[in-house]
């Protein structure tokens, strides 16, 4: 096991070292850190620079957690607050997304605290999977990720151009 709390199974094809740039942060790869007894999670080493200035953890779809660098969360927040308050679906989404969100700053060892409410929401146990999902990071319970990933491999291989026309 690596000293950072990650293990040898980690894979990451991220490029770029973070820092200030015009391009949004890009998170790629799959990592297997452990949650410690205090609810702290080691961020993958390749993600740390891009999250060092602060991050926001929110509930995500499929019972995972989303981790956004502050600039990306600010962009999302601006879009959410523009949703019409007259839309019940928009109000419901905004309440659930914002009420459980947590501002965090990683410590010097690259750990971030995941509060009890978010750990419960995502069913996090000691063994976690952290994936890069483009402009966000997702945190999954290892068993949940294994099940989800296995269920999605077949459909992913069969996806047609309808999802993202002209992408590849």
Protein backbone atom coordinates (compact mmCIF):
# COMPACT_ATOMS: atom_id res chain seq x y z
CA UNK A 1 0.00 0.00 0.00
CA UNK A 2 1.27 3.46 -0.84
CA UNK A 3 1.93 5.84 2.03
CA UNK A 4 -0.79 8.19 0.88
CA UNK A 5 -3.50 5.63 1.59
CA UNK A 6 -3.82 4.65 -2.05
CA UNK A 7 -2.92 1.20 -3.30
CA UNK A 8 -1.24 -0.29 -6.35
CA UNK A 9 -4.51 -0.71 -8.26
CA UNK A 10 -4.66 3.02 -8.97
CA UNK A 11 -4.79 4.05 -12.61
CA UNK A 12 -4.72 7.60 -13.86
CA UNK A 13 -4.08 9.09 -17.26
CA UNK A 14 -4.48 12.73 -16.13
CA UNK A 15 -2.28 15.26 -17.79
CA UNK A 16 -1.36 18.68 -16.56
CA UNK A 17 -0.32 19.65 -13.10
CA UNK A 18 -3.21 21.81 -12.04
CA UNK A 19 -2.63 25.37 -11.04
CA UNK A 20 -4.37 28.33 -12.59
CA UNK A 21 -5.29 27.94 -16.22
CA UNK A 22 -8.11 28.80 -18.60
CA UNK A 23 -9.05 25.14 -18.95
CA UNK A 24 -11.22 23.59 -16.22
CA UNK A 25 -9.60 20.96 -14.01
CA UNK A 26 -9.60 17.53 -15.64
CA UNK A 27 -9.90 14.45 -13.45
CA UNK A 28 -9.28 10.99 -14.91
CA UNK A 29 -8.56 7.52 -13.59
CA UNK A 30 -9.63 5.12 -10.85
CA UNK A 31 -8.13 5.09 -7.36
CA UNK A 32 -8.66 2.98 -4.25
CA UNK A 33 -8.03 5.00 -1.09
CA UNK A 34 -9.33 4.03 2.32
CA UNK A 35 -11.54 6.04 4.62
CA UNK A 36 -9.93 6.36 8.05
CA UNK A 37 -11.69 6.04 11.41
CA UNK A 38 -12.23 9.81 11.55
CA UNK A 39 -14.04 9.89 8.20
CA UNK A 40 -11.06 11.30 6.31
CA UNK A 41 -10.26 10.23 2.77
CA UNK A 42 -6.86 10.50 1.10
CA UNK A 43 -7.27 12.33 -2.17
CA UNK A 44 -5.41 10.69 -5.05
CA UNK A 45 -2.00 12.34 -5.39
CA UNK A 46 -2.67 13.44 -8.98
CA UNK A 47 -5.84 15.29 -7.89
CA UNK A 48 -4.39 17.12 -4.89
CA UNK A 49 -2.98 20.21 -6.60
CA UNK A 50 -6.26 20.82 -8.38
CA UNK A 51 -8.24 20.52 -5.13
CA UNK A 52 -5.78 22.15 -2.71
CA UNK A 53 -7.47 25.55 -2.87
CA UNK A 54 -10.74 24.15 -1.60
CA UNK A 55 -13.48 21.84 -2.75
CA UNK A 56 -17.15 21.12 -2.27
CA UNK A 57 -18.51 17.62 -1.63
CA UNK A 58 -22.15 17.04 -2.61
CA UNK A 59 -24.50 14.11 -2.96
CA UNK A 60 -24.31 12.65 -6.46
CA UNK A 61 -26.53 10.45 -8.54
CA UNK A 62 -26.44 6.65 -8.08
CA UNK A 63 -25.55 7.18 -4.39
CA UNK A 64 -21.99 8.38 -4.93
CA UNK A 65 -20.50 11.69 -3.84
CA UNK A 66 -19.40 14.45 -6.18
CA UNK A 67 -16.26 16.43 -5.35
CA UNK A 68 -15.90 19.73 -7.19
CA UNK A 69 -12.98 22.15 -7.16
CA UNK A 70 -14.35 25.47 -5.90
CA UNK A 71 -14.30 27.18 -9.34
CA UNK A 72 -16.35 24.35 -10.88
CA UNK A 73 -18.81 24.37 -7.98
CA UNK A 74 -19.17 28.14 -8.39
CA UNK A 75 -20.07 27.61 -12.07
CA UNK A 76 -22.69 24.99 -11.11
CA UNK A 77 -24.03 27.16 -8.29
CA UNK A 78 -24.54 30.05 -10.73
CA UNK A 79 -26.58 27.80 -13.00
CA UNK A 80 -28.63 26.34 -10.15
CA UNK A 81 -29.53 29.73 -8.74
CA UNK A 82 -30.83 30.77 -12.17
CA UNK A 83 -33.41 27.97 -12.11
CA UNK A 84 -36.94 29.29 -11.70
CA UNK A 85 -38.12 29.20 -8.10
CA UNK A 86 -41.56 28.39 -9.50
CA UNK A 87 -40.32 24.96 -10.64
CA UNK A 88 -40.92 22.35 -7.93
CA UNK A 89 -38.37 19.97 -9.51
CA UNK A 90 -35.73 22.73 -9.51
CA UNK A 91 -36.48 23.62 -5.88
CA UNK A 92 -36.34 19.97 -4.82
CA UNK A 93 -33.03 19.39 -6.59
CA UNK A 94 -31.51 22.59 -5.23
CA UNK A 95 -32.55 21.73 -1.67
CA UNK A 96 -31.12 18.21 -1.74
CA UNK A 97 -27.93 19.25 -3.55
CA UNK A 98 -27.15 22.31 -1.42
CA UNK A 99 -28.42 21.15 1.98
CA UNK A 100 -26.00 18.23 2.08
CA UNK A 101 -23.07 20.02 0.41
CA UNK A 102 -19.91 20.51 2.44
CA UNK A 103 -17.06 23.01 1.87
CA UNK A 104 -13.72 21.37 2.66
CA UNK A 105 -10.02 22.15 2.43
CA UNK A 106 -7.59 19.21 2.22
CA UNK A 107 -5.04 18.97 5.03
CA UNK A 108 -1.28 18.86 4.45
CA UNK A 109 -1.39 15.09 3.92
CA UNK A 110 -4.03 15.43 1.19
CA UNK A 111 -6.88 14.17 3.35
CA UNK A 112 -10.38 15.57 3.25
CA UNK A 113 -13.09 14.98 5.83
CA UNK A 114 -16.31 13.43 4.56
CA UNK A 115 -19.04 14.25 7.07
CA UNK A 116 -21.25 11.52 8.52
CA UNK A 117 -24.35 12.55 6.56
CA UNK A 118 -22.54 12.29 3.22
CA UNK A 119 -20.84 9.01 4.23
CA UNK A 120 -24.27 7.57 5.07
CA UNK A 121 -25.83 8.88 1.83
CA UNK A 122 -23.15 7.14 -0.26
CA UNK A 123 -22.93 4.04 1.97
CA UNK A 124 -19.20 4.60 2.38
CA UNK A 125 -17.24 2.00 4.29
CA UNK A 126 -13.49 1.83 4.83
CA UNK A 127 -12.84 0.66 1.24
CA UNK A 128 -13.63 3.38 -1.31
CA UNK A 129 -13.17 4.03 -4.99
CA UNK A 130 -12.39 7.52 -6.23
CA UNK A 131 -12.85 8.12 -9.92
CA UNK A 132 -12.03 11.04 -12.14
CA UNK A 133 -15.22 12.04 -13.95
CA UNK A 134 -14.06 14.92 -16.10
CA UNK A 135 -14.55 18.19 -14.23
CA UNK A 136 -15.48 16.44 -10.99
CA UNK A 137 -14.31 13.58 -8.81
CA UNK A 138 -16.70 10.87 -7.62
CA UNK A 139 -16.38 8.89 -4.39
CA UNK A 140 -18.01 5.47 -4.24
CA UNK A 141 -18.22 2.67 -1.77
CA UNK A 142 -16.04 -0.06 -3.31
CA UNK A 143 -18.82 -2.66 -3.45
CA UNK A 144 -21.27 -0.18 -5.00
CA UNK A 145 -18.73 0.88 -7.64
CA UNK A 146 -17.90 -2.73 -8.52
CA UNK A 147 -21.60 -3.51 -9.01
CA UNK A 148 -22.31 -0.30 -10.96
CA UNK A 149 -19.25 -0.70 -13.17
CA UNK A 150 -20.11 -4.32 -14.00
CA UNK A 151 -23.69 -3.34 -14.87
CA UNK A 152 -22.54 -0.51 -17.14
CA UNK A 153 -19.74 -2.22 -19.09
CA UNK A 154 -22.07 -3.96 -21.54
CA UNK A 155 -24.30 -0.95 -22.21
CA UNK A 156 -21.23 1.30 -22.56
CA UNK A 157 -19.74 -0.98 -25.21
CA UNK A 158 -23.04 -0.91 -27.08
CA UNK A 159 -23.69 2.84 -26.91
CA UNK A 160 -24.46 4.37 -30.22
CA UNK A 161 -23.84 7.85 -31.49
CA UNK A 162 -27.11 9.07 -29.93
CA UNK A 163 -25.50 9.85 -26.55
CA UNK A 164 -22.83 12.27 -27.80
CA UNK A 165 -23.26 12.61 -31.57
CA UNK A 166 -20.04 13.11 -33.48
CA UNK A 167 -17.78 12.69 -30.44
CA UNK A 168 -15.57 9.93 -31.79
